């Protein structure tokens, strides 16, 4: 079994490109699985501003619609919405 470094899909041995993303040269043998102790982590969920569905706060894009979550991408942990900025350009 080969694993695609681009999308993470499994491919059969001898494949030249990934059957999912068609990336050539990205197939590698899987790394040995390291045993780690199970630890419980508290997962905080927030509602996406675009679709309204719950998504984990630790990631930077919504799991459902892939809309960027501004509080995570800008390092702002406050619960306030960020202001929209409009760029105005003068012509002629």
PDB file of N, CA and C in Angstrom:
ATOM      1  N   UNK A   1       0.841  -1.177   0.000  1.00  0.00           N
ATOM      2  CA  UNK A   1       0.000   0.000   0.000  1.00  0.00           C
ATOM      3  C   UNK A   1       0.890   1.246   0.000  1.00  0.00           C
ATOM      4  N   UNK A   2       0.528   2.213  -0.803  1.00  0.00           N
ATOM      5  CA  UNK A   2       1.211   3.504  -0.850  1.00  0.00           C
ATOM      6  C   UNK A   2       0.242   4.584  -0.396  1.00  0.00           C
ATOM      7  N   UNK A   3       0.772   5.615   0.231  1.00  0.00           N
ATOM      8  CA  UNK A   3      -0.050   6.718   0.721  1.00  0.00           C
ATOM      9  C   UNK A   3       0.334   7.976  -0.048  1.00  0.00           C
ATOM     10  N   UNK A   4      -0.667   8.736  -0.480  1.00  0.00           N
ATOM     11  CA  UNK A   4      -0.436   9.985  -1.200  1.00  0.00           C
ATOM     12  C   UNK A   4      -0.086  11.081  -0.194  1.00  0.00           C
ATOM     13  N   UNK A   5       1.033  11.769  -0.415  1.00  0.00           N
ATOM     14  CA  UNK A   5       1.420  12.875   0.465  1.00  0.00           C
ATOM     15  C   UNK A   5       0.561  14.112   0.236  1.00  0.00           C
ATOM     16  N   UNK A   6      -0.134  14.186  -0.900  1.00  0.00           N
ATOM     17  CA  UNK A   6      -0.961  15.346  -1.219  1.00  0.00           C
ATOM     18  C   UNK A   6      -2.321  15.264  -0.527  1.00  0.00           C
ATOM     19  N   UNK A   7      -3.039  14.142  -0.708  1.00  0.00           N
ATOM     20  CA  UNK A   7      -4.395  14.046  -0.167  1.00  0.00           C
ATOM     21  C   UNK A   7      -4.548  13.004   0.928  1.00  0.00           C
ATOM     22  N   UNK A   8      -3.549  12.120   1.114  1.00  0.00           N
ATOM     23  CA  UNK A   8      -3.606  11.137   2.180  1.00  0.00           C
ATOM     24  C   UNK A   8      -4.337   9.857   1.828  1.00  0.00           C
ATOM     25  N   UNK A   9      -4.769   9.673   0.587  1.00  0.00           N
ATOM     26  CA  UNK A   9      -5.490   8.467   0.185  1.00  0.00           C
ATOM     27  C   UNK A   9      -4.533   7.299   0.013  1.00  0.00           C
ATOM     28  N   UNK A  10      -5.063   6.100   0.216  1.00  0.00           N
ATOM     29  CA  UNK A  10      -4.269   4.894   0.033  1.00  0.00           C
ATOM     30  C   UNK A  10      -4.365   4.438  -1.415  1.00  0.00           C
ATOM     31  N   UNK A  11      -3.234   3.962  -1.954  1.00  0.00           N
ATOM     32  CA  UNK A  11      -3.153   3.499  -3.331  1.00  0.00           C
ATOM     33  C   UNK A  11      -2.463   2.142  -3.345  1.00  0.00           C
ATOM     34  N   UNK A  12      -2.717   1.316  -4.363  1.00  0.00           N
ATOM     35  CA  UNK A  12      -2.061   0.010  -4.428  1.00  0.00           C
ATOM     36  C   UNK A  12      -0.577   0.162  -4.749  1.00  0.00           C
ATOM     37  N   UNK A  13       0.199  -0.866  -4.378  1.00  0.00           N
ATOM     38  CA  UNK A  13       1.624  -0.878  -4.702  1.00  0.00           C
ATOM     39  C   UNK A  13       1.792  -0.852  -6.214  1.00  0.00           C
ATOM     40  N   UNK A  14       2.767  -0.141  -6.714  1.00  0.00           N
ATOM     41  CA  UNK A  14       3.027  -0.063  -8.143  1.00  0.00           C
ATOM     42  C   UNK A  14       2.286   1.064  -8.839  1.00  0.00           C
ATOM     43  N   UNK A  15       1.433   1.787  -8.137  1.00  0.00           N
ATOM     44  CA  UNK A  15       0.704   2.906  -8.751  1.00  0.00           C
ATOM     45  C   UNK A  15       1.682   4.039  -9.027  1.00  0.00           C
ATOM     46  N   UNK A  16       1.506   4.709 -10.167  1.00  0.00           N
ATOM     47  CA  UNK A  16       2.379   5.817 -10.533  1.00  0.00           C
ATOM     48  C   UNK A  16       1.834   7.170 -10.094  1.00  0.00           C
ATOM     49  N   UNK A  17       0.516   7.265  -9.975  1.00  0.00           N
ATOM     50  CA  UNK A  17      -0.107   8.501  -9.515  1.00  0.00           C
ATOM     51  C   UNK A  17      -1.287   8.151  -8.616  1.00  0.00           C
ATOM     52  N   UNK A  18      -1.705   9.102  -7.806  1.00  0.00           N
ATOM     53  CA  UNK A  18      -2.815   8.895  -6.883  1.00  0.00           C
ATOM     54  C   UNK A  18      -4.112   8.729  -7.662  1.00  0.00           C
ATOM     55  N   UNK A  19      -4.925   7.746  -7.270  1.00  0.00           N
ATOM     56  CA  UNK A  19      -6.188   7.526  -7.967  1.00  0.00           C
ATOM     57  C   UNK A  19      -7.248   8.565  -7.592  1.00  0.00           C
ATOM     58  N   UNK A  20      -7.025   9.333  -6.526  1.00  0.00           N
ATOM     59  CA  UNK A  20      -7.991  10.344  -6.106  1.00  0.00           C
ATOM     60  C   UNK A  20      -7.654  11.724  -6.654  1.00  0.00           C
ATOM     61  N   UNK A  21      -6.416  12.196  -6.398  1.00  0.00           N
ATOM     62  CA  UNK A  21      -6.054  13.564  -6.804  1.00  0.00           C
ATOM     63  C   UNK A  21      -5.161  13.581  -8.048  1.00  0.00           C
ATOM     64  N   UNK A  22      -4.766  12.417  -8.549  1.00  0.00           N
ATOM     65  CA  UNK A  22      -3.972  12.266  -9.780  1.00  0.00           C
ATOM     66  C   UNK A  22      -2.610  12.944  -9.705  1.00  0.00           C
ATOM     67  N   UNK A  23      -2.089  13.151  -8.494  1.00  0.00           N
ATOM     68  CA  UNK A  23      -0.773  13.754  -8.312  1.00  0.00           C
ATOM     69  C   UNK A  23       0.290  12.697  -8.584  1.00  0.00           C
ATOM     70  N   UNK A  24       1.195  13.003  -9.494  1.00  0.00           N
ATOM     71  CA  UNK A  24       2.281  12.079  -9.809  1.00  0.00           C
ATOM     72  C   UNK A  24       3.453  12.330  -8.871  1.00  0.00           C
ATOM     73  N   UNK A  25       4.119  11.256  -8.467  1.00  0.00           N
ATOM     74  CA  UNK A  25       5.308  11.378  -7.631  1.00  0.00           C
ATOM     75  C   UNK A  25       5.031  11.683  -6.176  1.00  0.00           C
ATOM     76  N   UNK A  26       3.796  11.593  -5.735  1.00  0.00           N
ATOM     77  CA  UNK A  26       3.503  11.919  -4.343  1.00  0.00           C
ATOM     78  C   UNK A  26       3.213  10.675  -3.512  1.00  0.00           C
ATOM     79  N   UNK A  27       3.406   9.480  -4.088  1.00  0.00           N
ATOM     80  CA  UNK A  27       3.104   8.250  -3.370  1.00  0.00           C
ATOM     81  C   UNK A  27       4.328   7.754  -2.612  1.00  0.00           C
ATOM     82  N   UNK A  28       4.143   7.474  -1.327  1.00  0.00           N
ATOM     83  CA  UNK A  28       5.219   7.001  -0.469  1.00  0.00           C
ATOM     84  C   UNK A  28       4.703   5.843   0.382  1.00  0.00           C
ATOM     85  N   UNK A  29       5.628   5.068   0.914  1.00  0.00           N
ATOM     86  CA  UNK A  29       5.256   4.020   1.852  1.00  0.00           C
ATOM     87  C   UNK A  29       4.819   4.669   3.157  1.00  0.00           C
ATOM     88  N   UNK A  30       3.817   4.095   3.820  1.00  0.00           N
ATOM     89  CA  UNK A  30       3.367   4.708   5.074  1.00  0.00           C
ATOM     90  C   UNK A  30       4.437   4.607   6.146  1.00  0.00           C
ATOM     91  N   UNK A  31       4.500   5.617   6.990  1.00  0.00           N
ATOM     92  CA  UNK A  31       5.479   5.612   8.075  1.00  0.00           C
ATOM     93  C   UNK A  31       4.991   4.665   9.166  1.00  0.00           C
ATOM     94  N   UNK A  32       5.919   4.079   9.911  1.00  0.00           N
ATOM     95  CA  UNK A  32       5.503   3.177  10.992  1.00  0.00           C
ATOM     96  C   UNK A  32       4.668   3.929  12.023  1.00  0.00           C
ATOM     97  N   UNK A  33       3.678   3.258  12.532  1.00  0.00           N
ATOM     98  CA  UNK A  33       2.769   3.885  13.497  1.00  0.00           C
ATOM     99  C   UNK A  33       3.435   3.912  14.863  1.00  0.00           C
ATOM    100  N   UNK A  34       3.500   5.097  15.423  1.00  0.00           N
ATOM    101  CA  UNK A  34       4.087   5.254  16.744  1.00  0.00           C
ATOM    102  C   UNK A  34       2.995   5.103  17.788  1.00  0.00           C
ATOM    103  N   UNK A  35       3.309   4.393  18.847  1.00  0.00           N
ATOM    104  CA  UNK A  35       2.335   4.232  19.913  1.00  0.00           C
ATOM    105  C   UNK A  35       2.427   5.424  20.843  1.00  0.00           C
ATOM    106  N   UNK A  36       1.316   6.013  21.112  1.00  0.00           N
ATOM    107  CA  UNK A  36       1.258   7.145  22.032  1.00  0.00           C
ATOM    108  C   UNK A  36       0.174   6.871  23.060  1.00  0.00           C
ATOM    109  N   UNK A  37       0.314   7.484  24.184  1.00  0.00           N
ATOM    110  CA  UNK A  37      -0.700   7.330  25.217  1.00  0.00           C
ATOM    111  C   UNK A  37      -1.927   8.147  24.847  1.00  0.00           C
ATOM    112  N   UNK A  38      -3.081   7.584  25.141  1.00  0.00           N
ATOM    113  CA  UNK A  38      -4.321   8.301  24.882  1.00  0.00           C
ATOM    114  C   UNK A  38      -4.496   9.402  25.912  1.00  0.00           C
ATOM    115  N   UNK A  39      -4.740  10.596  25.415  1.00  0.00           N
ATOM    116  CA  UNK A  39      -4.994  11.721  26.302  1.00  0.00           C
ATOM    117  C   UNK A  39      -6.301  12.360  25.892  1.00  0.00           C
ATOM    118  N   UNK A  40      -7.006  12.809  26.861  1.00  0.00           N
ATOM    119  CA  UNK A  40      -8.269  13.488  26.580  1.00  0.00           C
ATOM    120  C   UNK A  40      -7.998  14.968  26.385  1.00  0.00           C
ATOM    121  N   UNK A  41      -8.516  15.481  25.285  1.00  0.00           N
ATOM    122  CA  UNK A  41      -8.380  16.903  25.008  1.00  0.00           C
ATOM    123  C   UNK A  41      -9.766  17.514  24.909  1.00  0.00           C
ATOM    124  N   UNK A  42      -9.904  18.686  25.471  1.00  0.00           N
ATOM    125  CA  UNK A  42     -11.173  19.382  25.383  1.00  0.00           C
ATOM    126  C   UNK A  42     -11.263  20.053  24.017  1.00  0.00           C
ATOM    127  N   UNK A  43     -12.323  19.730  23.275  1.00  0.00           N
ATOM    128  CA  UNK A  43     -12.528  20.305  21.954  1.00  0.00           C
ATOM    129  C   UNK A  43     -13.605  21.374  22.074  1.00  0.00           C
ATOM    130  N   UNK A  44     -13.261  22.585  21.666  1.00  0.00           N
ATOM    131  CA  UNK A  44     -14.199  23.703  21.709  1.00  0.00           C
ATOM    132  C   UNK A  44     -14.782  23.886  20.317  1.00  0.00           C
ATOM    133  N   UNK A  45     -16.096  23.989  20.239  1.00  0.00           N
ATOM    134  CA  UNK A  45     -16.770  24.179  18.963  1.00  0.00           C
ATOM    135  C   UNK A  45     -17.323  25.594  18.872  1.00  0.00           C
ATOM    136  N   UNK A  46     -17.291  26.162  17.660  1.00  0.00           N
ATOM    137  CA  UNK A  46     -17.900  27.459  17.398  1.00  0.00           C
ATOM    138  C   UNK A  46     -18.787  27.321  16.166  1.00  0.00           C
ATOM    139  N   UNK A  47     -19.680  28.271  15.979  1.00  0.00           N
ATOM    140  CA  UNK A  47     -20.542  28.262  14.798  1.00  0.00           C
ATOM    141  C   UNK A  47     -19.871  29.030  13.672  1.00  0.00           C
ATOM    142  N   UNK A  48     -19.903  28.457  12.474  1.00  0.00           N
ATOM    143  CA  UNK A  48     -19.329  29.098  11.290  1.00  0.00           C
ATOM    144  C   UNK A  48     -20.155  30.328  10.939  1.00  0.00           C
ATOM    145  N   UNK A  49     -19.471  31.408  10.561  1.00  0.00           N
ATOM    146  CA  UNK A  49     -20.165  32.637  10.183  1.00  0.00           C
ATOM    147  C   UNK A  49     -20.869  32.498   8.842  1.00  0.00           C
ATOM    148  N   UNK A  50     -20.419  31.564   7.992  1.00  0.00           N
ATOM    149  CA  UNK A  50     -20.968  31.411   6.659  1.00  0.00           C
ATOM    150  C   UNK A  50     -22.166  30.462   6.641  1.00  0.00           C
ATOM    151  N   UNK A  51     -21.987  29.215   7.131  1.00  0.00           N
ATOM    152  CA  UNK A  51     -23.053  28.217   7.034  1.00  0.00           C
ATOM    153  C   UNK A  51     -23.788  28.003   8.352  1.00  0.00           C
ATOM    154  N   UNK A  52     -23.224  28.456   9.476  1.00  0.00           N
ATOM    155  CA  UNK A  52     -23.880  28.344  10.765  1.00  0.00           C
ATOM    156  C   UNK A  52     -23.689  27.014  11.469  1.00  0.00           C
ATOM    157  N   UNK A  53     -22.992  26.052  10.860  1.00  0.00           N
ATOM    158  CA  UNK A  53     -22.798  24.746  11.479  1.00  0.00           C
ATOM    159  C   UNK A  53     -21.631  24.800  12.458  1.00  0.00           C
ATOM    160  N   UNK A  54     -21.676  23.879  13.436  1.00  0.00           N
ATOM    161  CA  UNK A  54     -20.606  23.823  14.427  1.00  0.00           C
ATOM    162  C   UNK A  54     -19.344  23.260  13.808  1.00  0.00           C
ATOM    163  N   UNK A  55     -18.219  23.854  14.134  1.00  0.00           N
ATOM    164  CA  UNK A  55     -16.923  23.368  13.689  1.00  0.00           C
ATOM    165  C   UNK A  55     -15.921  23.571  14.812  1.00  0.00           C
ATOM    166  N   UNK A  56     -14.881  22.760  14.825  1.00  0.00           N
ATOM    167  CA  UNK A  56     -13.881  22.848  15.887  1.00  0.00           C
ATOM    168  C   UNK A  56     -13.163  24.194  15.818  1.00  0.00           C
ATOM    169  N   UNK A  57     -12.949  24.800  16.961  1.00  0.00           N
ATOM    170  CA  UNK A  57     -12.311  26.119  17.009  1.00  0.00           C
ATOM    171  C   UNK A  57     -10.828  26.044  16.693  1.00  0.00           C
ATOM    172  N   UNK A  58     -10.209  24.876  16.873  1.00  0.00           N
ATOM    173  CA  UNK A  58      -8.766  24.736  16.697  1.00  0.00           C
ATOM    174  C   UNK A  58      -8.329  24.799  15.236  1.00  0.00           C
ATOM    175  N   UNK A  59      -9.244  24.614  14.300  1.00  0.00           N
ATOM    176  CA  UNK A  59      -8.865  24.649  12.888  1.00  0.00           C
ATOM    177  C   UNK A  59      -9.153  26.021  12.304  1.00  0.00           C
ATOM    178  N   UNK A  60      -8.584  26.322  11.131  1.00  0.00           N
ATOM    179  CA  UNK A  60      -8.726  27.672  10.583  1.00  0.00           C
ATOM    180  C   UNK A  60      -9.808  27.792   9.523  1.00  0.00           C
ATOM    181  N   UNK A  61     -10.416  26.664   9.085  1.00  0.00           N
ATOM    182  CA  UNK A  61     -11.505  26.715   8.106  1.00  0.00           C
ATOM    183  C   UNK A  61     -12.643  25.827   8.568  1.00  0.00           C
ATOM    184  N   UNK A  62     -13.863  26.187   8.189  1.00  0.00           N
ATOM    185  CA  UNK A  62     -15.038  25.405   8.536  1.00  0.00           C
ATOM    186  C   UNK A  62     -14.928  24.009   7.929  1.00  0.00           C
ATOM    187  N   UNK A  63     -15.284  22.985   8.703  1.00  0.00           N
ATOM    188  CA  UNK A  63     -15.218  21.608   8.226  1.00  0.00           C
ATOM    189  C   UNK A  63     -16.274  21.318   7.171  1.00  0.00           C
ATOM    190  N   UNK A  64     -17.321  22.121   7.092  1.00  0.00           N
ATOM    191  CA  UNK A  64     -18.443  21.855   6.192  1.00  0.00           C
ATOM    192  C   UNK A  64     -18.369  22.657   4.890  1.00  0.00           C
ATOM    193  N   UNK A  65     -18.127  23.963   5.008  1.00  0.00           N
ATOM    194  CA  UNK A  65     -18.130  24.810   3.805  1.00  0.00           C
ATOM    195  C   UNK A  65     -16.745  25.366   3.472  1.00  0.00           C
ATOM    196  N   UNK A  66     -15.727  25.076   4.301  1.00  0.00           N
ATOM    197  CA  UNK A  66     -14.340  25.513   4.110  1.00  0.00           C
ATOM    198  C   UNK A  66     -14.178  27.035   4.120  1.00  0.00           C
ATOM    199  N   UNK A  67     -15.128  27.742   4.733  1.00  0.00           N
ATOM    200  CA  UNK A  67     -15.060  29.192   4.880  1.00  0.00           C
ATOM    201  C   UNK A  67     -14.029  29.509   5.960  1.00  0.00           C
ATOM    202  N   UNK A  68     -13.141  30.478   5.736  1.00  0.00           N
ATOM    203  CA  UNK A  68     -12.139  30.801   6.764  1.00  0.00           C
ATOM    204  C   UNK A  68     -12.793  31.335   8.032  1.00  0.00           C
ATOM    205  N   UNK A  69     -12.292  30.892   9.153  1.00  0.00           N
ATOM    206  CA  UNK A  69     -12.777  31.375  10.436  1.00  0.00           C
ATOM    207  C   UNK A  69     -11.847  32.493  10.883  1.00  0.00           C
ATOM    208  N   UNK A  70     -12.263  33.752  10.807  1.00  0.00           N
ATOM    209  CA  UNK A  70     -11.358  34.883  11.034  1.00  0.00           C
ATOM    210  C   UNK A  70     -10.759  34.933  12.422  1.00  0.00           C
ATOM    211  N   UNK A  71     -11.457  34.497  13.454  1.00  0.00           N
ATOM    212  CA  UNK A  71     -10.889  34.561  14.800  1.00  0.00           C
ATOM    213  C   UNK A  71      -9.687  33.645  14.932  1.00  0.00           C
ATOM    214  N   UNK A  72      -9.626  32.572  14.156  1.00  0.00           N
ATOM    215  CA  UNK A  72      -8.493  31.656  14.245  1.00  0.00           C
ATOM    216  C   UNK A  72      -7.371  32.079  13.316  1.00  0.00           C
ATOM    217  N   UNK A  73      -7.689  32.556  12.130  1.00  0.00           N
ATOM    218  CA  UNK A  73      -6.649  32.875  11.162  1.00  0.00           C
ATOM    219  C   UNK A  73      -5.897  34.142  11.535  1.00  0.00           C
ATOM    220  N   UNK A  74      -6.506  35.039  12.294  1.00  0.00           N
ATOM    221  CA  UNK A  74      -5.852  36.283  12.667  1.00  0.00           C
ATOM    222  C   UNK A  74      -5.315  36.253  14.092  1.00  0.00           C
ATOM    223  N   UNK A  75      -5.496  35.123  14.783  1.00  0.00           N
ATOM    224  CA  UNK A  75      -4.990  35.011  16.143  1.00  0.00           C
ATOM    225  C   UNK A  75      -5.808  35.772  17.153  1.00  0.00           C
ATOM    226  N   UNK A  76      -7.001  36.188  16.812  1.00  0.00           N
ATOM    227  CA  UNK A  76      -7.858  36.929  17.715  1.00  0.00           C
ATOM    228  C   UNK A  76      -8.787  35.946  18.409  1.00  0.00           C
ATOM    229  N   UNK A  77      -8.673  35.806  19.709  1.00  0.00           N
ATOM    230  CA  UNK A  77      -9.486  34.833  20.415  1.00  0.00           C
ATOM    231  C   UNK A  77     -10.765  35.434  20.985  1.00  0.00           C
ATOM    232  N   UNK A  78     -11.047  36.705  20.722  1.00  0.00           N
ATOM    233  CA  UNK A  78     -12.259  37.319  21.234  1.00  0.00           C
ATOM    234  C   UNK A  78     -13.461  36.801  20.456  1.00  0.00           C
ATOM    235  N   UNK A  79     -14.631  36.921  21.066  1.00  0.00           N
ATOM    236  CA  UNK A  79     -15.835  36.410  20.429  1.00  0.00           C
ATOM    237  C   UNK A  79     -16.531  37.464  19.573  1.00  0.00           C
ATOM    238  N   UNK A  80     -15.893  38.602  19.380  1.00  0.00           N
ATOM    239  CA  UNK A  80     -16.482  39.659  18.568  1.00  0.00           C
ATOM    240  C   UNK A  80     -16.202  39.386  17.097  1.00  0.00           C
ATOM    241  N   UNK A  81     -17.142  39.782  16.265  1.00  0.00           N
ATOM    242  CA  UNK A  81     -16.919  39.674  14.832  1.00  0.00           C
ATOM    243  C   UNK A  81     -15.934  40.747  14.405  1.00  0.00           C
ATOM    244  N   UNK A  82     -15.102  40.423  13.443  1.00  0.00           N
ATOM    245  CA  UNK A  82     -14.133  41.393  12.951  1.00  0.00           C
ATOM    246  C   UNK A  82     -14.804  42.337  11.962  1.00  0.00           C
ATOM    247  N   UNK A  83     -14.441  43.616  11.956  1.00  0.00           N
ATOM    248  CA  UNK A  83     -15.081  44.562  11.034  1.00  0.00           C
ATOM    249  C   UNK A  83     -14.670  44.286   9.593  1.00  0.00           C
ATOM    250  N   UNK A  84     -15.601  44.546   8.699  1.00  0.00           N
ATOM    251  CA  UNK A  84     -15.305  44.426   7.277  1.00  0.00           C
ATOM    252  C   UNK A  84     -14.630  45.705   6.808  1.00  0.00           C
ATOM    253  N   UNK A  85     -13.649  45.588   5.955  1.00  0.00           N
ATOM    254  CA  UNK A  85     -12.927  46.743   5.445  1.00  0.00           C
ATOM    255  C   UNK A  85     -13.164  46.806   3.946  1.00  0.00           C
ATOM    256  N   UNK A  86     -13.610  47.947   3.476  1.00  0.00           N
ATOM    257  CA  UNK A  86     -13.867  48.132   2.053  1.00  0.00           C
ATOM    258  C   UNK A  86     -12.801  49.027   1.471  1.00  0.00           C
ATOM    259  N   UNK A  87     -12.237  48.603   0.368  1.00  0.00           N
ATOM    260  CA  UNK A  87     -11.207  49.370  -0.293  1.00  0.00           C
ATOM    261  C   UNK A  87     -11.860  50.263  -1.365  1.00  0.00           C
ATOM    262  N   UNK A  88     -11.571  51.548  -1.309  1.00  0.00           N
ATOM    263  CA  UNK A  88     -12.134  52.475  -2.291  1.00  0.00           C
ATOM    264  C   UNK A  88     -10.992  52.988  -3.154  1.00  0.00           C
ATOM    265  N   UNK A  89     -11.166  52.910  -4.449  1.00  0.00           N
ATOM    266  CA  UNK A  89     -10.119  53.339  -5.367  1.00  0.00           C
ATOM    267  C   UNK A  89     -10.689  54.457  -6.233  1.00  0.00           C
ATOM    268  N   UNK A  90      -9.934  55.547  -6.343  1.00  0.00           N
ATOM    269  CA  UNK A  90     -10.358  56.665  -7.184  1.00  0.00           C
ATOM    270  C   UNK A  90      -9.987  56.352  -8.619  1.00  0.00           C
ATOM    271  N   UNK A  91     -10.891  56.727  -9.526  1.00  0.00           N
ATOM    272  CA  UNK A  91     -10.607  56.551 -10.958  1.00  0.00           C
ATOM    273  C   UNK A  91     -10.638  57.917 -11.620  1.00  0.00           C
ATOM    274  N   UNK A  92      -9.740  58.039 -12.568  1.00  0.00           N
ATOM    275  CA  UNK A  92      -9.625  59.188 -13.426  1.00  0.00           C
ATOM    276  C   UNK A  92      -9.724  60.481 -12.822  1.00  0.00           C
TER     277      UNK A  92
END
